[in-house]
N, C-alpha and C. Protein backbone atom coordinates (compact mmCIF):
# COMPACT_ATOMS: atom_id res chain seq x y z
N MET A 1 -4.96 65.77 -0.56
CA MET A 1 -5.89 64.85 -1.17
C MET A 1 -7.30 65.28 -0.75
N GLY A 2 -8.20 65.28 -1.72
CA GLY A 2 -9.56 65.72 -1.43
C GLY A 2 -10.40 64.58 -0.89
N ILE A 3 -11.61 64.94 -0.44
CA ILE A 3 -12.53 63.96 0.12
C ILE A 3 -12.91 62.91 -0.92
N GLU A 4 -13.11 63.37 -2.17
CA GLU A 4 -13.49 62.45 -3.24
C GLU A 4 -12.37 61.44 -3.52
N ALA A 5 -11.14 61.90 -3.55
CA ALA A 5 -10.00 61.02 -3.80
C ALA A 5 -9.85 60.01 -2.67
N THR A 6 -10.05 60.44 -1.44
CA THR A 6 -9.96 59.54 -0.30
C THR A 6 -11.05 58.48 -0.36
N THR A 7 -12.26 58.88 -0.72
CA THR A 7 -13.37 57.95 -0.83
C THR A 7 -13.11 56.92 -1.93
N ASN A 8 -12.60 57.39 -3.09
CA ASN A 8 -12.27 56.47 -4.19
C ASN A 8 -11.17 55.51 -3.78
N SER A 9 -10.18 56.01 -3.07
CA SER A 9 -9.07 55.17 -2.61
C SER A 9 -9.56 54.11 -1.63
N GLU A 10 -10.42 54.51 -0.70
CA GLU A 10 -10.97 53.56 0.27
C GLU A 10 -11.86 52.54 -0.43
N SER A 11 -12.63 53.00 -1.41
CA SER A 11 -13.51 52.12 -2.16
C SER A 11 -12.68 51.10 -2.96
N THR A 12 -11.62 51.57 -3.58
CA THR A 12 -10.73 50.69 -4.35
C THR A 12 -10.06 49.69 -3.42
N LYS A 13 -9.61 50.17 -2.25
CA LYS A 13 -8.96 49.28 -1.29
C LYS A 13 -9.94 48.21 -0.82
N ALA A 14 -11.17 48.58 -0.53
CA ALA A 14 -12.18 47.62 -0.07
C ALA A 14 -12.49 46.60 -1.18
N ALA A 15 -12.57 47.08 -2.42
CA ALA A 15 -12.84 46.18 -3.54
C ALA A 15 -11.70 45.20 -3.72
N LEU A 16 -10.46 45.68 -3.61
CA LEU A 16 -9.29 44.80 -3.75
C LEU A 16 -9.22 43.78 -2.61
N GLU A 17 -9.55 44.21 -1.40
CA GLU A 17 -9.56 43.28 -0.27
C GLU A 17 -10.63 42.20 -0.45
N SER A 18 -11.79 42.61 -0.96
CA SER A 18 -12.86 41.65 -1.22
C SER A 18 -12.44 40.67 -2.31
N LEU A 19 -11.83 41.18 -3.36
CA LEU A 19 -11.36 40.33 -4.44
C LEU A 19 -10.29 39.37 -3.94
N ASP A 20 -9.38 39.86 -3.11
CA ASP A 20 -8.33 39.01 -2.55
C ASP A 20 -8.94 37.89 -1.72
N SER A 21 -9.94 38.22 -0.93
CA SER A 21 -10.61 37.21 -0.10
C SER A 21 -11.30 36.17 -0.98
N GLN A 22 -11.97 36.61 -2.04
CA GLN A 22 -12.64 35.69 -2.95
C GLN A 22 -11.64 34.77 -3.66
N LEU A 23 -10.51 35.35 -4.07
CA LEU A 23 -9.48 34.55 -4.74
C LEU A 23 -8.88 33.51 -3.79
N LYS A 24 -8.69 33.86 -2.53
CA LYS A 24 -8.17 32.90 -1.56
C LYS A 24 -9.16 31.76 -1.34
N ARG A 25 -10.45 32.08 -1.26
CA ARG A 25 -11.46 31.02 -1.12
C ARG A 25 -11.49 30.12 -2.36
N ALA A 26 -11.43 30.73 -3.54
CA ALA A 26 -11.44 29.94 -4.79
C ALA A 26 -10.21 29.05 -4.85
N TYR A 27 -9.06 29.58 -4.46
CA TYR A 27 -7.83 28.80 -4.44
C TYR A 27 -7.98 27.58 -3.51
N THR A 28 -8.53 27.80 -2.33
CA THR A 28 -8.72 26.72 -1.37
C THR A 28 -9.67 25.65 -1.92
N ILE A 29 -10.76 26.08 -2.54
CA ILE A 29 -11.72 25.13 -3.11
C ILE A 29 -11.07 24.31 -4.22
N ILE A 30 -10.35 24.97 -5.10
CA ILE A 30 -9.69 24.27 -6.22
C ILE A 30 -8.62 23.32 -5.69
N ARG A 31 -7.82 23.78 -4.75
CA ARG A 31 -6.77 22.94 -4.18
C ARG A 31 -7.36 21.70 -3.52
N ASP A 32 -8.42 21.90 -2.74
CA ASP A 32 -9.06 20.76 -2.07
C ASP A 32 -9.64 19.77 -3.07
N GLN A 33 -10.22 20.28 -4.16
CA GLN A 33 -10.79 19.40 -5.19
C GLN A 33 -9.69 18.61 -5.89
N ILE A 34 -8.57 19.24 -6.18
CA ILE A 34 -7.44 18.55 -6.81
C ILE A 34 -6.92 17.44 -5.90
N ILE A 35 -6.77 17.74 -4.62
CA ILE A 35 -6.31 16.73 -3.66
C ILE A 35 -7.29 15.57 -3.59
N LYS A 36 -8.59 15.88 -3.56
CA LYS A 36 -9.61 14.84 -3.52
C LYS A 36 -9.53 13.96 -4.78
N ASN A 37 -9.38 14.59 -5.94
CA ASN A 37 -9.28 13.83 -7.19
C ASN A 37 -8.03 12.95 -7.23
N LEU A 38 -6.92 13.47 -6.75
CA LEU A 38 -5.68 12.68 -6.73
C LEU A 38 -5.81 11.48 -5.80
N ARG A 39 -6.44 11.67 -4.66
CA ARG A 39 -6.65 10.54 -3.74
C ARG A 39 -7.55 9.49 -4.37
N SER A 40 -8.56 9.94 -5.08
CA SER A 40 -9.46 9.01 -5.76
C SER A 40 -8.71 8.21 -6.83
N ILE A 41 -7.85 8.87 -7.57
CA ILE A 41 -7.05 8.19 -8.59
C ILE A 41 -6.14 7.17 -7.94
N GLU A 42 -5.52 7.54 -6.82
CA GLU A 42 -4.63 6.62 -6.11
C GLU A 42 -5.39 5.38 -5.65
N LEU A 43 -6.60 5.58 -5.13
CA LEU A 43 -7.39 4.44 -4.66
C LEU A 43 -7.79 3.52 -5.82
N ARG A 44 -8.21 4.12 -6.94
CA ARG A 44 -8.58 3.30 -8.10
C ARG A 44 -7.36 2.55 -8.63
N SER A 45 -6.22 3.22 -8.65
CA SER A 45 -4.99 2.58 -9.13
C SER A 45 -4.58 1.44 -8.22
N ALA A 46 -4.68 1.65 -6.92
CA ALA A 46 -4.32 0.60 -5.97
C ALA A 46 -5.26 -0.60 -6.11
N ALA A 47 -6.54 -0.33 -6.30
CA ALA A 47 -7.51 -1.42 -6.47
C ALA A 47 -7.24 -2.19 -7.75
N ALA A 48 -6.93 -1.47 -8.83
CA ALA A 48 -6.63 -2.14 -10.11
C ALA A 48 -5.37 -2.96 -9.99
N THR A 49 -4.36 -2.42 -9.33
CA THR A 49 -3.10 -3.15 -9.15
C THR A 49 -3.35 -4.41 -8.34
N GLU A 50 -4.13 -4.30 -7.29
CA GLU A 50 -4.44 -5.45 -6.45
C GLU A 50 -5.17 -6.53 -7.25
N SER A 51 -6.10 -6.12 -8.09
CA SER A 51 -6.84 -7.06 -8.93
C SER A 51 -5.91 -7.77 -9.91
N ILE A 52 -5.00 -7.04 -10.51
CA ILE A 52 -4.06 -7.62 -11.47
C ILE A 52 -3.13 -8.60 -10.77
N VAL A 53 -2.60 -8.21 -9.63
CA VAL A 53 -1.71 -9.09 -8.87
C VAL A 53 -2.45 -10.37 -8.48
N SER A 54 -3.69 -10.22 -8.06
CA SER A 54 -4.50 -11.38 -7.69
C SER A 54 -4.69 -12.32 -8.87
N GLU A 55 -4.97 -11.77 -10.04
CA GLU A 55 -5.15 -12.59 -11.25
C GLU A 55 -3.86 -13.32 -11.62
N ILE A 56 -2.74 -12.63 -11.51
CA ILE A 56 -1.45 -13.26 -11.83
C ILE A 56 -1.16 -14.38 -10.85
N GLU A 57 -1.39 -14.14 -9.56
CA GLU A 57 -1.16 -15.18 -8.55
C GLU A 57 -2.08 -16.37 -8.79
N LYS A 58 -3.33 -16.10 -9.13
CA LYS A 58 -4.29 -17.18 -9.39
C LYS A 58 -3.84 -18.00 -10.60
N SER A 59 -3.41 -17.33 -11.66
CA SER A 59 -2.96 -18.03 -12.86
C SER A 59 -1.73 -18.87 -12.57
N THR A 60 -0.82 -18.32 -11.79
CA THR A 60 0.39 -19.04 -11.45
C THR A 60 0.05 -20.27 -10.62
N ALA A 61 -0.83 -20.11 -9.66
CA ALA A 61 -1.21 -21.23 -8.79
C ALA A 61 -1.91 -22.33 -9.58
N GLN A 62 -2.70 -21.94 -10.57
CA GLN A 62 -3.43 -22.92 -11.37
C GLN A 62 -2.65 -23.37 -12.60
N ASN A 63 -1.47 -22.78 -12.78
CA ASN A 63 -0.66 -23.05 -13.96
C ASN A 63 -1.51 -22.84 -15.22
N ASP A 64 -2.27 -21.74 -15.21
CA ASP A 64 -3.21 -21.43 -16.29
C ASP A 64 -2.46 -21.00 -17.54
N ARG A 65 -2.73 -21.69 -18.63
CA ARG A 65 -2.10 -21.37 -19.90
C ARG A 65 -3.16 -21.06 -20.95
N ASN A 66 -4.18 -20.39 -20.52
CA ASN A 66 -5.32 -20.07 -21.36
C ASN A 66 -5.10 -18.74 -22.07
N GLN A 67 -5.16 -18.74 -23.39
CA GLN A 67 -4.95 -17.53 -24.17
C GLN A 67 -6.00 -16.47 -23.85
N ALA A 68 -7.24 -16.87 -23.72
CA ALA A 68 -8.31 -15.92 -23.42
C ALA A 68 -8.06 -15.24 -22.07
N HIS A 69 -7.59 -16.01 -21.10
CA HIS A 69 -7.29 -15.44 -19.79
C HIS A 69 -6.15 -14.43 -19.90
N ALA A 70 -5.15 -14.75 -20.70
CA ALA A 70 -4.02 -13.83 -20.89
C ALA A 70 -4.49 -12.52 -21.51
N ILE A 71 -5.38 -12.62 -22.46
CA ILE A 71 -5.90 -11.41 -23.11
C ILE A 71 -6.70 -10.58 -22.11
N GLN A 72 -7.52 -11.22 -21.29
CA GLN A 72 -8.28 -10.51 -20.27
C GLN A 72 -7.35 -9.80 -19.28
N LEU A 73 -6.28 -10.48 -18.91
CA LEU A 73 -5.32 -9.89 -17.98
C LEU A 73 -4.66 -8.67 -18.60
N VAL A 74 -4.28 -8.77 -19.86
CA VAL A 74 -3.67 -7.62 -20.54
C VAL A 74 -4.67 -6.48 -20.64
N LYS A 75 -5.93 -6.79 -20.88
CA LYS A 75 -6.95 -5.74 -20.92
C LYS A 75 -7.09 -5.05 -19.57
N LYS A 76 -7.02 -5.81 -18.48
CA LYS A 76 -7.07 -5.21 -17.14
C LYS A 76 -5.88 -4.29 -16.93
N ILE A 77 -4.71 -4.75 -17.37
CA ILE A 77 -3.51 -3.92 -17.23
C ILE A 77 -3.67 -2.65 -18.06
N ALA A 78 -4.17 -2.79 -19.28
CA ALA A 78 -4.38 -1.62 -20.15
C ALA A 78 -5.37 -0.65 -19.52
N ASP A 79 -6.46 -1.16 -18.97
CA ASP A 79 -7.43 -0.29 -18.31
C ASP A 79 -6.81 0.43 -17.12
N ALA A 80 -6.02 -0.29 -16.35
CA ALA A 80 -5.40 0.30 -15.16
C ALA A 80 -4.39 1.37 -15.52
N THR A 81 -3.74 1.22 -16.67
CA THR A 81 -2.73 2.19 -17.07
C THR A 81 -3.26 3.24 -18.02
N GLY A 82 -4.54 3.10 -18.40
CA GLY A 82 -5.13 4.08 -19.30
C GLY A 82 -4.70 3.89 -20.75
N THR A 83 -4.27 2.71 -21.10
CA THR A 83 -3.82 2.41 -22.45
C THR A 83 -4.95 1.77 -23.22
N SER A 84 -5.01 2.03 -24.51
CA SER A 84 -6.04 1.43 -25.35
C SER A 84 -5.73 -0.03 -25.59
N THR A 85 -6.73 -0.90 -25.41
CA THR A 85 -6.52 -2.32 -25.68
C THR A 85 -6.61 -2.60 -27.16
N ASN A 86 -7.02 -1.62 -27.95
CA ASN A 86 -7.11 -1.81 -29.39
C ASN A 86 -5.83 -1.40 -30.11
N ALA A 87 -4.89 -0.87 -29.37
CA ALA A 87 -3.66 -0.40 -30.00
C ALA A 87 -2.86 -1.57 -30.55
N SER A 88 -2.25 -1.36 -31.70
CA SER A 88 -1.40 -2.39 -32.28
C SER A 88 -0.06 -2.38 -31.57
N PHE A 89 0.49 -3.56 -31.39
CA PHE A 89 1.79 -3.66 -30.77
C PHE A 89 2.85 -3.72 -31.86
N SER A 90 3.93 -3.00 -31.66
CA SER A 90 5.05 -3.08 -32.59
C SER A 90 6.07 -4.06 -32.02
N TRP A 91 7.00 -4.47 -32.86
CA TRP A 91 8.05 -5.38 -32.39
C TRP A 91 8.82 -4.76 -31.24
N ASN A 92 9.10 -3.47 -31.32
CA ASN A 92 9.86 -2.81 -30.25
C ASN A 92 9.11 -2.88 -28.92
N GLU A 93 7.80 -2.68 -28.95
CA GLU A 93 7.02 -2.76 -27.72
C GLU A 93 7.02 -4.18 -27.17
N LEU A 94 6.94 -5.15 -28.06
CA LEU A 94 6.94 -6.54 -27.62
C LEU A 94 8.29 -6.94 -27.03
N LYS A 95 9.36 -6.36 -27.53
CA LYS A 95 10.69 -6.68 -27.01
C LYS A 95 10.86 -6.16 -25.58
N LEU A 96 10.08 -5.15 -25.22
CA LEU A 96 10.17 -4.62 -23.86
C LEU A 96 9.65 -5.61 -22.83
N ILE A 97 8.76 -6.49 -23.26
CA ILE A 97 8.23 -7.51 -22.36
C ILE A 97 9.27 -8.60 -22.22
N ASP A 98 9.44 -9.09 -21.03
CA ASP A 98 10.52 -10.03 -20.73
C ASP A 98 10.25 -11.41 -21.32
N LEU A 99 10.76 -11.63 -22.53
CA LEU A 99 10.70 -12.95 -23.16
C LEU A 99 12.13 -13.46 -23.29
N ASP A 100 12.26 -14.74 -23.54
CA ASP A 100 13.60 -15.32 -23.62
C ASP A 100 14.42 -14.66 -24.72
N ASP A 101 13.92 -14.67 -25.95
CA ASP A 101 14.59 -13.96 -27.03
C ASP A 101 13.66 -13.89 -28.24
N VAL A 102 14.04 -13.08 -29.22
CA VAL A 102 13.22 -12.89 -30.41
C VAL A 102 13.10 -14.19 -31.19
N GLY A 103 14.15 -15.00 -31.22
CA GLY A 103 14.11 -16.28 -31.92
C GLY A 103 12.99 -17.17 -31.41
N GLU A 104 12.79 -17.17 -30.11
CA GLU A 104 11.72 -17.97 -29.52
C GLU A 104 10.36 -17.44 -29.96
N GLU A 105 10.23 -16.11 -30.07
CA GLU A 105 8.98 -15.52 -30.55
C GLU A 105 8.68 -15.99 -31.97
N ILE A 106 9.68 -15.96 -32.81
CA ILE A 106 9.50 -16.38 -34.20
C ILE A 106 9.16 -17.86 -34.26
N GLN A 107 9.83 -18.66 -33.45
CA GLN A 107 9.55 -20.09 -33.41
C GLN A 107 8.10 -20.33 -32.98
N GLU A 108 7.62 -19.57 -32.03
CA GLU A 108 6.24 -19.73 -31.57
C GLU A 108 5.23 -19.40 -32.67
N GLU A 109 5.59 -18.47 -33.55
CA GLU A 109 4.68 -18.12 -34.63
C GLU A 109 4.42 -19.32 -35.54
N THR A 110 5.35 -20.23 -35.62
CA THR A 110 5.20 -21.39 -36.50
C THR A 110 4.64 -22.61 -35.78
N MET A 111 4.37 -22.49 -34.50
CA MET A 111 3.83 -23.61 -33.72
C MET A 111 2.40 -23.93 -34.13
N SER A 112 2.03 -25.16 -33.90
CA SER A 112 0.63 -25.55 -34.12
C SER A 112 -0.22 -24.92 -33.02
N PRO A 113 -1.51 -24.74 -33.28
CA PRO A 113 -2.38 -24.16 -32.23
C PRO A 113 -2.35 -24.95 -30.93
N ARG A 114 -2.22 -26.27 -31.02
CA ARG A 114 -2.18 -27.10 -29.81
C ARG A 114 -0.94 -26.78 -28.97
N LYS A 115 0.21 -26.66 -29.65
CA LYS A 115 1.44 -26.33 -28.92
C LYS A 115 1.34 -24.92 -28.35
N ARG A 116 0.76 -24.00 -29.14
CA ARG A 116 0.62 -22.62 -28.66
C ARG A 116 -0.25 -22.57 -27.41
N SER A 117 -1.27 -23.40 -27.36
CA SER A 117 -2.17 -23.38 -26.20
C SER A 117 -1.45 -23.82 -24.94
N ARG A 118 -0.35 -24.53 -25.11
CA ARG A 118 0.44 -24.95 -23.94
C ARG A 118 1.46 -23.90 -23.54
N ALA A 119 1.67 -22.90 -24.39
CA ALA A 119 2.64 -21.84 -24.09
C ALA A 119 2.09 -20.97 -22.97
N SER A 120 2.96 -20.18 -22.39
CA SER A 120 2.52 -19.31 -21.30
C SER A 120 1.47 -18.33 -21.82
N PRO A 121 0.59 -17.86 -20.96
CA PRO A 121 -0.46 -16.93 -21.40
C PRO A 121 0.09 -15.70 -22.11
N LEU A 122 1.17 -15.14 -21.62
CA LEU A 122 1.72 -13.95 -22.25
C LEU A 122 2.23 -14.25 -23.64
N LYS A 123 2.90 -15.38 -23.81
CA LYS A 123 3.42 -15.74 -25.12
C LYS A 123 2.27 -16.07 -26.07
N SER A 124 1.21 -16.67 -25.57
CA SER A 124 0.03 -16.92 -26.39
C SER A 124 -0.59 -15.60 -26.84
N PHE A 125 -0.59 -14.66 -25.93
CA PHE A 125 -1.12 -13.34 -26.26
C PHE A 125 -0.32 -12.72 -27.40
N HIS A 126 1.01 -12.83 -27.34
CA HIS A 126 1.86 -12.28 -28.39
C HIS A 126 1.54 -12.92 -29.73
N PHE A 127 1.43 -14.23 -29.76
CA PHE A 127 1.15 -14.93 -31.00
C PHE A 127 -0.19 -14.47 -31.57
N PHE A 128 -1.18 -14.35 -30.70
CA PHE A 128 -2.52 -13.95 -31.12
C PHE A 128 -2.50 -12.60 -31.82
N PHE A 129 -1.77 -11.65 -31.28
CA PHE A 129 -1.76 -10.31 -31.85
C PHE A 129 -0.77 -10.12 -32.98
N LEU A 130 0.19 -11.02 -33.12
CA LEU A 130 1.17 -10.88 -34.19
C LEU A 130 0.69 -11.53 -35.48
N ASN A 131 -0.30 -12.37 -35.44
CA ASN A 131 -0.79 -13.05 -36.65
C ASN A 131 -2.11 -12.48 -37.10
């Protein structure tokens, strides 16, 4: 091997070592940023969950049957889960929520507004969005 080939080989080796070092630093920076972002998401999620639980406990303690409050609570849940509050609900999605049965939902649709206002906040919310 000639002097020129040895110099090129050493130069290539040095360039590759420098590139390897730069890639390791970039990897560390990216990894640390991802971990930081995930921790931030966890904290925001925990805070949102705590707020929702607090609202539910407050409503239960006050026996709150206010439709507007139910809608606000659902909006908080939607914000916490990243769901659009403008999305239309289908019957299948509504069935996933723990209600007594579909017959009761249909019966509520025919209730007078006064009777509906006495229904639970979640059921009032359903009526509001189904009509």
